[in-house]
Amino acid sequence: MKRDLQVLIVAADPLVSSALTSIWSDLPNCHVMGLANPSIVSAHLAEPEEESEIDLLIWDLGWEAAAVSTTDFQELEIPVLFLLAAPEHAEEAWSAGARAMVKREASGEILEAAAFAASRGLIVLDPDLAASFLPSPLDSSGELLEVLTPRELEILQLLSTGMTNKAIAKKLNISHHTVKFHVNAILGKLNAQSRTEAVVRATRIGLLAL
């Protein structure tokens, strides 16, 4: 049985904090551990801390995204899923080290899938956000034909561990047919002929860190 993801909400706006707490508390496999202000989290980036029970930070960048240019997100010990209110902040956040970003108004299903993928160290990019600063999908001479969805990234990570479709279906509590559908989509988007080739290509372009 999959353990609930322990998350901490990070937001400067109290109203946003309240709304996000309600949204994330309603997700069946997530548990909100508390709230924090971005300035407090940023101030403790370089300070050693005891091992935390928190699996993931849910960080709302707000409309101004004031902390983006002054924070090196790669220094954070805990994985972070960033929520963006404005797509134009995506490029700046990416430059600051953010590697998991979705739109603030994303559906609960997308948020949960993105959260579990981000907690495992995967790159998670909402297609609309990625389109605002990443190059266009590559053709057959390149590496990536289309941006992978959060679920496809999650399955790609499991493929990299050598898990079979049946094992992935059991782990994610989805049907074998659904896994096969996603695997075929992954192969197509990565222009790969096999699962092994897909993992190799994904590693080469930074979608996987093995």
N, C-alpha and C. Protein backbone atom coordinates (compact mmCIF):
# COMPACT_ATOMS: atom_id res chain seq x y z
N MET A 1 0.85 -1.20 0.00
CA MET A 1 0.00 0.00 0.00
C MET A 1 0.88 1.25 0.00
N LYS A 2 0.54 2.19 -0.87
CA LYS A 2 1.34 3.40 -1.00
C LYS A 2 1.14 4.32 0.20
N ARG A 3 2.27 4.75 0.79
CA ARG A 3 2.20 5.65 1.94
C ARG A 3 1.80 7.05 1.47
N ASP A 4 1.01 7.73 2.32
CA ASP A 4 0.64 9.10 1.99
C ASP A 4 1.88 9.97 1.87
N LEU A 5 1.83 10.90 0.93
CA LEU A 5 2.92 11.84 0.73
C LEU A 5 2.77 12.96 1.77
N GLN A 6 3.82 13.20 2.55
CA GLN A 6 3.79 14.24 3.57
C GLN A 6 4.28 15.55 2.94
N VAL A 7 3.40 16.56 2.82
CA VAL A 7 3.75 17.78 2.12
C VAL A 7 3.67 19.00 3.05
N LEU A 8 4.49 19.99 2.73
CA LEU A 8 4.47 21.28 3.43
C LEU A 8 4.10 22.34 2.41
N ILE A 9 3.09 23.14 2.71
CA ILE A 9 2.65 24.22 1.81
C ILE A 9 3.51 25.46 2.07
N VAL A 10 4.11 26.00 1.01
CA VAL A 10 4.94 27.21 1.12
C VAL A 10 4.30 28.29 0.25
N ALA A 11 3.80 29.35 0.88
CA ALA A 11 3.13 30.43 0.14
C ALA A 11 3.19 31.72 0.95
N ALA A 12 3.34 32.84 0.24
CA ALA A 12 3.43 34.13 0.92
C ALA A 12 2.06 34.71 1.23
N ASP A 13 1.09 34.44 0.39
CA ASP A 13 -0.26 34.97 0.54
C ASP A 13 -1.08 34.06 1.45
N PRO A 14 -1.58 34.58 2.59
CA PRO A 14 -2.38 33.75 3.51
C PRO A 14 -3.62 33.14 2.87
N LEU A 15 -4.25 33.89 1.96
CA LEU A 15 -5.43 33.36 1.28
C LEU A 15 -5.07 32.19 0.38
N VAL A 16 -3.93 32.32 -0.31
CA VAL A 16 -3.46 31.23 -1.17
C VAL A 16 -3.10 30.02 -0.31
N SER A 17 -2.45 30.28 0.82
CA SER A 17 -2.08 29.19 1.74
C SER A 17 -3.30 28.41 2.17
N SER A 18 -4.36 29.15 2.52
CA SER A 18 -5.59 28.52 2.97
C SER A 18 -6.22 27.69 1.86
N ALA A 19 -6.26 28.25 0.65
CA ALA A 19 -6.87 27.55 -0.49
C ALA A 19 -6.07 26.30 -0.84
N LEU A 20 -4.74 26.42 -0.84
CA LEU A 20 -3.89 25.27 -1.17
C LEU A 20 -4.00 24.17 -0.12
N THR A 21 -4.10 24.58 1.14
CA THR A 21 -4.25 23.59 2.21
C THR A 21 -5.52 22.79 2.02
N SER A 22 -6.60 23.47 1.64
CA SER A 22 -7.87 22.80 1.40
C SER A 22 -7.76 21.84 0.22
N ILE A 23 -7.13 22.30 -0.86
CA ILE A 23 -7.00 21.48 -2.07
C ILE A 23 -6.17 20.23 -1.80
N TRP A 24 -5.01 20.42 -1.17
CA TRP A 24 -4.10 19.30 -0.96
C TRP A 24 -4.59 18.36 0.13
N SER A 25 -5.34 18.89 1.08
CA SER A 25 -5.90 18.04 2.13
C SER A 25 -6.96 17.10 1.57
N ASP A 26 -7.59 17.51 0.46
CA ASP A 26 -8.63 16.69 -0.16
C ASP A 26 -8.07 15.58 -1.05
N LEU A 27 -6.78 15.67 -1.39
CA LEU A 27 -6.19 14.63 -2.22
C LEU A 27 -6.01 13.37 -1.39
N PRO A 28 -6.48 12.23 -1.87
CA PRO A 28 -6.52 11.01 -1.06
C PRO A 28 -5.18 10.48 -0.60
N ASN A 29 -4.10 10.77 -1.33
CA ASN A 29 -2.80 10.19 -0.97
C ASN A 29 -1.78 11.21 -0.52
N CYS A 30 -2.27 12.38 -0.08
CA CYS A 30 -1.38 13.43 0.40
C CYS A 30 -1.82 13.89 1.79
N HIS A 31 -0.85 14.23 2.60
CA HIS A 31 -1.15 14.73 3.95
C HIS A 31 -0.40 16.03 4.17
N VAL A 32 -1.12 17.11 4.46
CA VAL A 32 -0.51 18.41 4.69
C VAL A 32 0.04 18.48 6.11
N MET A 33 1.37 18.67 6.21
CA MET A 33 2.04 18.70 7.51
C MET A 33 2.01 20.09 8.14
N GLY A 34 1.82 21.13 7.30
CA GLY A 34 1.82 22.48 7.84
C GLY A 34 2.01 23.52 6.75
N LEU A 35 2.20 24.77 7.19
CA LEU A 35 2.38 25.90 6.28
C LEU A 35 3.69 26.61 6.60
N ALA A 36 4.26 27.27 5.59
CA ALA A 36 5.49 28.04 5.81
C ALA A 36 5.53 29.21 4.84
N ASN A 37 6.21 30.27 5.23
CA ASN A 37 6.40 31.43 4.37
C ASN A 37 7.67 31.24 3.55
N PRO A 38 7.67 31.62 2.28
CA PRO A 38 8.87 31.44 1.45
C PRO A 38 10.13 32.06 2.03
N SER A 39 10.00 33.22 2.66
CA SER A 39 11.18 33.88 3.21
C SER A 39 11.81 33.06 4.33
N ILE A 40 10.97 32.38 5.10
CA ILE A 40 11.49 31.55 6.20
C ILE A 40 12.19 30.32 5.64
N VAL A 41 11.59 29.70 4.64
CA VAL A 41 12.20 28.53 4.03
C VAL A 41 13.52 28.91 3.37
N SER A 42 13.54 30.03 2.63
CA SER A 42 14.75 30.46 1.94
C SER A 42 15.87 30.78 2.93
N ALA A 43 15.53 31.36 4.06
CA ALA A 43 16.52 31.75 5.05
C ALA A 43 17.23 30.56 5.68
N HIS A 44 16.61 29.39 5.62
CA HIS A 44 17.18 28.20 6.24
C HIS A 44 17.77 27.22 5.22
N LEU A 45 17.94 27.67 3.99
CA LEU A 45 18.46 26.77 2.96
C LEU A 45 19.83 26.21 3.30
N ALA A 46 20.69 27.09 3.81
CA ALA A 46 22.07 26.69 4.05
C ALA A 46 22.32 26.16 5.46
N GLU A 47 21.29 26.15 6.29
CA GLU A 47 21.46 25.70 7.66
C GLU A 47 21.21 24.21 7.78
N PRO A 48 22.09 23.49 8.48
CA PRO A 48 21.86 22.05 8.66
C PRO A 48 20.64 21.81 9.52
N GLU A 49 19.84 20.82 9.14
CA GLU A 49 18.64 20.50 9.89
C GLU A 49 18.57 19.01 10.17
N GLU A 50 17.80 18.64 11.16
CA GLU A 50 17.60 17.23 11.43
C GLU A 50 16.78 16.62 10.30
N GLU A 51 16.83 15.33 10.17
CA GLU A 51 16.09 14.66 9.13
C GLU A 51 14.61 15.00 9.23
N SER A 52 14.04 15.41 8.12
CA SER A 52 12.65 15.87 8.12
C SER A 52 11.70 14.74 7.74
N GLU A 53 10.47 14.82 8.26
CA GLU A 53 9.44 13.87 7.89
C GLU A 53 8.71 14.30 6.63
N ILE A 54 9.04 15.51 6.15
CA ILE A 54 8.36 16.05 4.98
C ILE A 54 8.96 15.45 3.71
N ASP A 55 8.08 14.96 2.82
CA ASP A 55 8.52 14.36 1.56
C ASP A 55 8.64 15.37 0.43
N LEU A 56 7.84 16.44 0.52
CA LEU A 56 7.77 17.38 -0.61
C LEU A 56 7.30 18.74 -0.15
N LEU A 57 7.89 19.79 -0.71
CA LEU A 57 7.42 21.16 -0.50
C LEU A 57 6.51 21.53 -1.67
N ILE A 58 5.34 22.05 -1.36
CA ILE A 58 4.43 22.58 -2.39
C ILE A 58 4.60 24.09 -2.34
N TRP A 59 5.34 24.64 -3.28
CA TRP A 59 5.78 26.04 -3.21
C TRP A 59 5.03 26.89 -4.24
N ASP A 60 4.19 27.79 -3.75
CA ASP A 60 3.46 28.71 -4.63
C ASP A 60 4.34 29.94 -4.89
N LEU A 61 4.62 30.21 -6.16
CA LEU A 61 5.50 31.32 -6.50
C LEU A 61 4.77 32.66 -6.58
N GLY A 62 3.45 32.64 -6.50
CA GLY A 62 2.69 33.89 -6.48
C GLY A 62 2.70 34.61 -7.82
N TRP A 63 2.02 35.75 -7.83
CA TRP A 63 1.90 36.52 -9.08
C TRP A 63 3.17 37.29 -9.40
N GLU A 64 3.91 37.68 -8.38
CA GLU A 64 5.12 38.46 -8.60
C GLU A 64 6.36 37.57 -8.72
N ALA A 65 6.29 36.39 -8.07
CA ALA A 65 7.44 35.46 -8.07
C ALA A 65 8.71 36.16 -7.61
N ALA A 66 8.57 36.96 -6.54
CA ALA A 66 9.68 37.79 -6.06
C ALA A 66 10.88 36.97 -5.61
N ALA A 67 10.63 35.77 -5.05
CA ALA A 67 11.74 34.99 -4.48
C ALA A 67 12.50 34.19 -5.53
N VAL A 68 12.01 34.16 -6.75
CA VAL A 68 12.62 33.29 -7.75
C VAL A 68 14.06 33.66 -8.02
N SER A 69 14.33 34.94 -8.27
CA SER A 69 15.67 35.36 -8.66
C SER A 69 16.66 35.35 -7.52
N THR A 70 16.20 35.27 -6.28
CA THR A 70 17.10 35.32 -5.13
C THR A 70 17.27 33.97 -4.44
N THR A 71 16.64 32.94 -4.95
CA THR A 71 16.70 31.63 -4.32
C THR A 71 17.28 30.60 -5.27
N ASP A 72 18.28 29.84 -4.76
CA ASP A 72 18.82 28.73 -5.54
C ASP A 72 18.08 27.47 -5.09
N PHE A 73 17.08 27.09 -5.85
CA PHE A 73 16.23 25.97 -5.44
C PHE A 73 16.96 24.63 -5.42
N GLN A 74 18.10 24.57 -6.10
CA GLN A 74 18.86 23.33 -6.11
C GLN A 74 19.52 23.06 -4.76
N GLU A 75 19.58 24.07 -3.89
CA GLU A 75 20.17 23.89 -2.58
C GLU A 75 19.21 23.23 -1.59
N LEU A 76 17.94 23.21 -1.94
CA LEU A 76 16.96 22.63 -1.04
C LEU A 76 17.16 21.12 -0.92
N GLU A 77 17.16 20.63 0.31
CA GLU A 77 17.35 19.20 0.55
C GLU A 77 16.08 18.40 0.23
N ILE A 78 14.92 19.06 0.37
CA ILE A 78 13.64 18.39 0.16
C ILE A 78 13.14 18.70 -1.26
N PRO A 79 12.64 17.71 -2.00
CA PRO A 79 12.10 17.97 -3.33
C PRO A 79 10.99 19.02 -3.28
N VAL A 80 10.85 19.76 -4.36
CA VAL A 80 9.87 20.85 -4.41
C VAL A 80 9.02 20.75 -5.67
N LEU A 81 7.72 20.92 -5.49
CA LEU A 81 6.81 21.08 -6.62
C LEU A 81 6.35 22.53 -6.60
N PHE A 82 6.67 23.27 -7.66
CA PHE A 82 6.33 24.68 -7.71
C PHE A 82 5.01 24.89 -8.44
N LEU A 83 4.19 25.77 -7.87
CA LEU A 83 2.91 26.14 -8.48
C LEU A 83 3.05 27.53 -9.06
N LEU A 84 2.78 27.68 -10.34
CA LEU A 84 2.93 28.97 -11.01
C LEU A 84 1.57 29.55 -11.36
N ALA A 85 1.38 30.79 -10.99
CA ALA A 85 0.15 31.50 -11.33
C ALA A 85 0.25 32.13 -12.71
N ALA A 86 1.48 32.39 -13.15
CA ALA A 86 1.70 33.04 -14.45
C ALA A 86 2.76 32.27 -15.23
N PRO A 87 2.46 31.80 -16.44
CA PRO A 87 3.41 31.03 -17.25
C PRO A 87 4.73 31.75 -17.50
N GLU A 88 4.70 33.08 -17.54
CA GLU A 88 5.92 33.82 -17.85
C GLU A 88 7.00 33.69 -16.76
N HIS A 89 6.61 33.16 -15.59
CA HIS A 89 7.59 32.95 -14.52
C HIS A 89 8.36 31.64 -14.69
N ALA A 90 7.92 30.80 -15.60
CA ALA A 90 8.50 29.46 -15.73
C ALA A 90 9.99 29.50 -16.08
N GLU A 91 10.36 30.33 -17.03
CA GLU A 91 11.76 30.37 -17.47
C GLU A 91 12.68 30.82 -16.33
N GLU A 92 12.25 31.84 -15.59
CA GLU A 92 13.06 32.33 -14.48
C GLU A 92 13.18 31.28 -13.37
N ALA A 93 12.07 30.60 -13.10
CA ALA A 93 12.09 29.57 -12.08
C ALA A 93 13.00 28.42 -12.50
N TRP A 94 12.94 28.04 -13.78
CA TRP A 94 13.80 26.97 -14.29
C TRP A 94 15.28 27.36 -14.15
N SER A 95 15.60 28.60 -14.46
CA SER A 95 16.98 29.09 -14.35
C SER A 95 17.46 29.07 -12.90
N ALA A 96 16.51 29.22 -11.97
CA ALA A 96 16.87 29.22 -10.54
C ALA A 96 16.97 27.80 -9.98
N GLY A 97 16.70 26.80 -10.81
CA GLY A 97 16.85 25.43 -10.35
C GLY A 97 15.56 24.67 -10.16
N ALA A 98 14.41 25.31 -10.41
CA ALA A 98 13.13 24.61 -10.26
C ALA A 98 13.01 23.55 -11.34
N ARG A 99 12.74 22.32 -10.94
CA ARG A 99 12.65 21.22 -11.90
C ARG A 99 11.31 20.51 -11.85
N ALA A 100 10.35 21.03 -11.10
CA ALA A 100 9.00 20.45 -11.05
C ALA A 100 8.02 21.61 -10.95
N MET A 101 7.31 21.88 -12.04
CA MET A 101 6.42 23.03 -12.08
C MET A 101 5.10 22.68 -12.75
N VAL A 102 4.01 23.07 -12.13
CA VAL A 102 2.69 22.92 -12.75
C VAL A 102 1.92 24.21 -12.51
N LYS A 103 0.85 24.38 -13.25
CA LYS A 103 0.03 25.57 -13.06
C LYS A 103 -0.74 25.47 -11.75
N ARG A 104 -0.93 26.59 -11.10
CA ARG A 104 -1.62 26.62 -9.81
C ARG A 104 -3.02 26.04 -9.91
N GLU A 105 -3.68 26.25 -11.05
CA GLU A 105 -5.08 25.82 -11.19
C GLU A 105 -5.20 24.40 -11.74
N ALA A 106 -4.12 23.65 -11.75
CA ALA A 106 -4.17 22.27 -12.28
C ALA A 106 -5.16 21.43 -11.48
N SER A 107 -5.69 20.40 -12.11
CA SER A 107 -6.67 19.53 -11.46
C SER A 107 -6.01 18.72 -10.34
N GLY A 108 -6.84 18.20 -9.45
CA GLY A 108 -6.34 17.39 -8.35
C GLY A 108 -5.56 16.18 -8.84
N GLU A 109 -6.03 15.56 -9.92
CA GLU A 109 -5.35 14.38 -10.47
C GLU A 109 -3.95 14.74 -10.96
N ILE A 110 -3.83 15.87 -11.63
CA ILE A 110 -2.53 16.32 -12.13
C ILE A 110 -1.62 16.68 -10.96
N LEU A 111 -2.16 17.39 -9.98
CA LEU A 111 -1.35 17.80 -8.83
C LEU A 111 -0.78 16.58 -8.09
N GLU A 112 -1.63 15.59 -7.89
CA GLU A 112 -1.17 14.41 -7.15
C GLU A 112 -0.12 13.64 -7.95
N ALA A 113 -0.34 13.47 -9.25
CA ALA A 113 0.64 12.77 -10.07
C ALA A 113 1.96 13.52 -10.10
N ALA A 114 1.87 14.85 -10.24
CA ALA A 114 3.08 15.67 -10.26
C ALA A 114 3.81 15.61 -8.93
N ALA A 115 3.06 15.59 -7.83
CA ALA A 115 3.66 15.55 -6.50
C ALA A 115 4.46 14.27 -6.30
N PHE A 116 3.88 13.13 -6.64
CA PHE A 116 4.59 11.86 -6.45
C PHE A 116 5.80 11.76 -7.37
N ALA A 117 5.67 12.29 -8.59
CA ALA A 117 6.81 12.27 -9.51
C ALA A 117 7.93 13.17 -8.99
N ALA A 118 7.57 14.37 -8.53
CA ALA A 118 8.57 15.30 -8.03
C ALA A 118 9.25 14.76 -6.78
N SER A 119 8.50 14.08 -5.92
CA SER A 119 9.07 13.55 -4.69
C SER A 119 10.12 12.47 -4.97
N ARG A 120 10.06 11.89 -6.17
CA ARG A 120 11.01 10.85 -6.57
C ARG A 120 12.16 11.41 -7.40
N GLY A 121 12.21 12.74 -7.48
CA GLY A 121 13.32 13.37 -8.18
C GLY A 121 13.16 13.53 -9.67
N LEU A 122 11.95 13.31 -10.18
CA LEU A 122 11.72 13.45 -11.61
C LEU A 122 11.50 14.91 -12.00
N ILE A 123 11.84 15.23 -13.23
CA ILE A 123 11.50 16.53 -13.79
C ILE A 123 10.03 16.52 -14.15
N VAL A 124 9.29 17.52 -13.69
CA VAL A 124 7.85 17.61 -13.95
C VAL A 124 7.55 19.00 -14.52
N LEU A 125 7.07 19.03 -15.75
CA LEU A 125 6.74 20.31 -16.37
C LEU A 125 5.37 20.25 -17.02
N ASP A 126 4.50 21.15 -16.60
CA ASP A 126 3.22 21.29 -17.28
C ASP A 126 3.50 21.68 -18.73
N PRO A 127 2.88 21.02 -19.70
CA PRO A 127 3.15 21.32 -21.11
C PRO A 127 3.03 22.80 -21.46
N ASP A 128 2.04 23.48 -20.88
CA ASP A 128 1.87 24.90 -21.17
C ASP A 128 3.04 25.73 -20.63
N LEU A 129 3.56 25.33 -19.47
CA LEU A 129 4.70 26.05 -18.91
C LEU A 129 5.96 25.77 -19.71
N ALA A 130 6.14 24.50 -20.06
CA ALA A 130 7.33 24.13 -20.82
C ALA A 130 7.36 24.85 -22.16
N ALA A 131 6.19 25.01 -22.77
CA ALA A 131 6.12 25.65 -24.09
C ALA A 131 6.52 27.12 -24.04
N SER A 132 6.48 27.71 -22.83
CA SER A 132 6.80 29.13 -22.72
C SER A 132 8.30 29.41 -22.72
N PHE A 133 9.14 28.36 -22.55
CA PHE A 133 10.58 28.63 -22.53
C PHE A 133 11.45 27.52 -23.11
N LEU A 134 10.91 26.30 -23.25
CA LEU A 134 11.70 25.22 -23.84
C LEU A 134 11.58 25.26 -25.36
N PRO A 135 12.58 24.73 -26.06
CA PRO A 135 12.49 24.68 -27.52
C PRO A 135 11.30 23.83 -27.95
N SER A 136 10.86 24.01 -29.15
CA SER A 136 9.76 23.21 -29.67
C SER A 136 10.16 21.74 -29.69
N PRO A 137 9.18 20.83 -29.56
CA PRO A 137 9.49 19.40 -29.65
C PRO A 137 10.31 19.09 -30.90
N LEU A 138 11.26 18.16 -30.75
CA LEU A 138 12.17 17.84 -31.82
C LEU A 138 11.57 16.81 -32.78
N ASP A 139 12.05 16.78 -34.00
CA ASP A 139 11.58 15.80 -34.96
C ASP A 139 12.41 14.52 -34.82
N SER A 140 12.33 13.64 -35.81
CA SER A 140 12.98 12.35 -35.70
C SER A 140 14.49 12.44 -35.62
N SER A 141 15.08 13.57 -35.95
CA SER A 141 16.52 13.71 -35.86
C SER A 141 16.96 14.16 -34.48
N GLY A 142 15.99 14.49 -33.62
CA GLY A 142 16.32 14.94 -32.28
C GLY A 142 15.98 13.91 -31.22
N GLU A 143 15.68 14.40 -30.02
CA GLU A 143 15.47 13.50 -28.90
C GLU A 143 14.03 13.40 -28.43
N LEU A 144 13.30 14.50 -28.48
CA LEU A 144 11.97 14.52 -27.87
C LEU A 144 10.94 15.03 -28.87
N LEU A 145 9.91 14.23 -29.09
CA LEU A 145 8.87 14.61 -30.04
C LEU A 145 7.76 15.41 -29.38
N GLU A 146 7.53 15.17 -28.09
CA GLU A 146 6.45 15.84 -27.37
C GLU A 146 6.72 15.76 -25.88
N VAL A 147 6.28 16.76 -25.12
CA VAL A 147 6.51 16.78 -23.68
C VAL A 147 5.76 15.64 -23.01
N LEU A 148 6.44 14.93 -22.10
CA LEU A 148 5.81 13.84 -21.38
C LEU A 148 4.90 14.37 -20.27
N THR A 149 3.80 13.70 -20.03
CA THR A 149 2.88 14.07 -18.95
C THR A 149 3.46 13.61 -17.61
N PRO A 150 2.95 14.15 -16.49
CA PRO A 150 3.43 13.69 -15.17
C PRO A 150 3.30 12.18 -14.99
N ARG A 151 2.21 11.59 -15.44
CA ARG A 151 2.04 10.13 -15.30
C ARG A 151 3.07 9.39 -16.15
N GLU A 152 3.32 9.89 -17.35
CA GLU A 152 4.31 9.24 -18.21
C GLU A 152 5.71 9.34 -17.61
N LEU A 153 6.02 10.47 -16.98
CA LEU A 153 7.31 10.63 -16.32
C LEU A 153 7.43 9.66 -15.15
N GLU A 154 6.32 9.48 -14.43
CA GLU A 154 6.33 8.55 -13.30
C GLU A 154 6.58 7.12 -13.79
N ILE A 155 5.92 6.73 -14.86
CA ILE A 155 6.10 5.39 -15.40
C ILE A 155 7.49 5.24 -16.01
N LEU A 156 8.00 6.29 -16.63
CA LEU A 156 9.35 6.25 -17.19
C LEU A 156 10.37 5.96 -16.10
N GLN A 157 10.21 6.59 -14.95
CA GLN A 157 11.12 6.36 -13.83
C GLN A 157 11.07 4.88 -13.40
N LEU A 158 9.89 4.32 -13.37
CA LEU A 158 9.75 2.92 -12.98
C LEU A 158 10.34 2.00 -14.05
N LEU A 159 10.19 2.39 -15.31
CA LEU A 159 10.81 1.62 -16.38
C LEU A 159 12.32 1.57 -16.22
N SER A 160 12.88 2.68 -15.75
CA SER A 160 14.34 2.76 -15.60
C SER A 160 14.85 1.80 -14.53
N THR A 161 13.97 1.35 -13.65
CA THR A 161 14.38 0.40 -12.61
C THR A 161 14.23 -1.04 -13.07
N GLY A 162 13.72 -1.23 -14.30
CA GLY A 162 13.57 -2.57 -14.84
C GLY A 162 12.24 -3.24 -14.54
N MET A 163 11.28 -2.48 -14.00
CA MET A 163 9.98 -3.05 -13.66
C MET A 163 9.20 -3.40 -14.91
N THR A 164 8.46 -4.50 -14.84
CA THR A 164 7.59 -4.91 -15.94
C THR A 164 6.30 -4.09 -15.92
N ASN A 165 5.55 -4.15 -17.01
CA ASN A 165 4.27 -3.45 -17.06
C ASN A 165 3.34 -3.93 -15.94
N LYS A 166 3.36 -5.24 -15.72
CA LYS A 166 2.50 -5.82 -14.69
C LYS A 166 2.88 -5.29 -13.31
N ALA A 167 4.18 -5.19 -13.04
CA ALA A 167 4.65 -4.69 -11.75
C ALA A 167 4.31 -3.21 -11.58
N ILE A 168 4.44 -2.46 -12.67
CA ILE A 168 4.12 -1.03 -12.62
C ILE A 168 2.63 -0.84 -12.36
N ALA A 169 1.81 -1.64 -13.01
CA ALA A 169 0.36 -1.55 -12.82
C ALA A 169 0.00 -1.82 -11.36
N LYS A 170 0.63 -2.81 -10.76
CA LYS A 170 0.36 -3.14 -9.37
C LYS A 170 0.83 -2.02 -8.44
N LYS A 171 2.00 -1.47 -8.71
CA LYS A 171 2.55 -0.42 -7.85
C LYS A 171 1.71 0.85 -7.89
N LEU A 172 1.24 1.20 -9.09
CA LEU A 172 0.48 2.44 -9.26
C LEU A 172 -1.03 2.24 -9.12
N ASN A 173 -1.43 0.99 -8.92
CA ASN A 173 -2.85 0.65 -8.76
C ASN A 173 -3.67 1.09 -9.97
N ILE A 174 -3.12 0.78 -11.16
CA ILE A 174 -3.83 1.05 -12.39
C ILE A 174 -3.81 -0.24 -13.22
N SER A 175 -4.57 -0.28 -14.30
CA SER A 175 -4.66 -1.50 -15.08
C SER A 175 -3.42 -1.72 -15.94
N HIS A 176 -3.20 -3.00 -16.29
CA HIS A 176 -2.09 -3.35 -17.16
C HIS A 176 -2.27 -2.67 -18.52
N HIS A 177 -3.50 -2.57 -18.99
CA HIS A 177 -3.79 -1.91 -20.27
C HIS A 177 -3.38 -0.44 -20.22
N THR A 178 -3.66 0.22 -19.10
CA THR A 178 -3.31 1.64 -18.96
C THR A 178 -1.80 1.83 -18.98
N VAL A 179 -1.08 0.94 -18.31
CA VAL A 179 0.39 1.03 -18.31
C VAL A 179 0.92 0.85 -19.73
N LYS A 180 0.38 -0.14 -20.44
CA LYS A 180 0.83 -0.39 -21.81
C LYS A 180 0.58 0.83 -22.69
N PHE A 181 -0.56 1.48 -22.49
CA PHE A 181 -0.89 2.69 -23.25
C PHE A 181 0.16 3.78 -22.99
N HIS A 182 0.49 3.99 -21.70
CA HIS A 182 1.47 5.03 -21.36
C HIS A 182 2.86 4.69 -21.87
N VAL A 183 3.24 3.42 -21.79
CA VAL A 183 4.56 3.01 -22.27
C VAL A 183 4.67 3.27 -23.77
N ASN A 184 3.63 2.94 -24.53
CA ASN A 184 3.64 3.20 -25.97
C ASN A 184 3.75 4.69 -26.26
N ALA A 185 3.06 5.51 -25.44
CA ALA A 185 3.14 6.96 -25.61
C ALA A 185 4.55 7.46 -25.33
N ILE A 186 5.18 6.90 -24.29
CA ILE A 186 6.56 7.28 -23.94
C ILE A 186 7.51 6.94 -25.08
N LEU A 187 7.38 5.73 -25.64
CA LEU A 187 8.25 5.32 -26.75
C LEU A 187 8.07 6.25 -27.94
N GLY A 188 6.81 6.62 -28.21
CA GLY A 188 6.55 7.50 -29.34
C GLY A 188 7.14 8.89 -29.14
N LYS A 189 6.96 9.44 -27.95
CA LYS A 189 7.44 10.79 -27.68
C LYS A 189 8.97 10.87 -27.65
N LEU A 190 9.61 9.77 -27.23
CA LEU A 190 11.07 9.75 -27.18
C LEU A 190 11.68 9.19 -28.46
N ASN A 191 10.81 8.85 -29.42
CA ASN A 191 11.27 8.29 -30.69
C ASN A 191 12.15 7.06 -30.44
N ALA A 192 11.71 6.22 -29.53
CA ALA A 192 12.47 5.03 -29.14
C ALA A 192 11.76 3.77 -29.62
N GLN A 193 12.56 2.73 -29.91
CA GLN A 193 12.01 1.48 -30.38
C GLN A 193 11.82 0.45 -29.26
N SER A 194 12.42 0.71 -28.11
CA SER A 194 12.32 -0.22 -26.99
C SER A 194 12.33 0.53 -25.68
N ARG A 195 11.97 -0.16 -24.61
CA ARG A 195 11.97 0.44 -23.28
C ARG A 195 13.39 0.87 -22.90
N THR A 196 14.37 0.03 -23.22
CA THR A 196 15.76 0.36 -22.89
C THR A 196 16.21 1.61 -23.62
N GLU A 197 15.86 1.69 -24.90
CA GLU A 197 16.25 2.87 -25.69
C GLU A 197 15.57 4.12 -25.13
N ALA A 198 14.32 3.98 -24.69
CA ALA A 198 13.61 5.12 -24.12
C ALA A 198 14.31 5.63 -22.87
N VAL A 199 14.74 4.71 -22.01
CA VAL A 199 15.44 5.10 -20.79
C VAL A 199 16.76 5.79 -21.11
N VAL A 200 17.48 5.25 -22.09
CA VAL A 200 18.77 5.85 -22.49
C VAL A 200 18.55 7.27 -23.01
N ARG A 201 17.56 7.42 -23.90
CA ARG A 201 17.29 8.74 -24.46
C ARG A 201 16.84 9.72 -23.37
N ALA A 202 15.97 9.25 -22.47
CA ALA A 202 15.47 10.11 -21.40
C ALA A 202 16.59 10.56 -20.48
N THR A 203 17.53 9.67 -20.22
CA THR A 203 18.67 10.02 -19.37
C THR A 203 19.55 11.05 -20.06
N ARG A 204 19.75 10.87 -21.36
CA ARG A 204 20.61 11.78 -22.10
C ARG A 204 20.08 13.20 -22.14
N ILE A 205 18.75 13.35 -22.17
CA ILE A 205 18.18 14.71 -22.24
C ILE A 205 17.75 15.25 -20.88
N GLY A 206 18.08 14.49 -19.82
CA GLY A 206 17.84 15.01 -18.47
C GLY A 206 16.50 14.71 -17.85
N LEU A 207 15.70 13.84 -18.46
CA LEU A 207 14.41 13.48 -17.88
C LEU A 207 14.58 12.46 -16.75
N LEU A 208 15.69 11.76 -16.77
CA LEU A 208 15.98 10.77 -15.73
C LEU A 208 17.36 11.02 -15.16
N ALA A 209 17.49 10.79 -13.86
CA ALA A 209 18.80 10.86 -13.22
C ALA A 209 19.06 9.49 -12.61
N LEU A 210 19.86 8.69 -13.27
CA LEU A 210 20.09 7.32 -12.83
C LEU A 210 21.30 7.24 -11.91
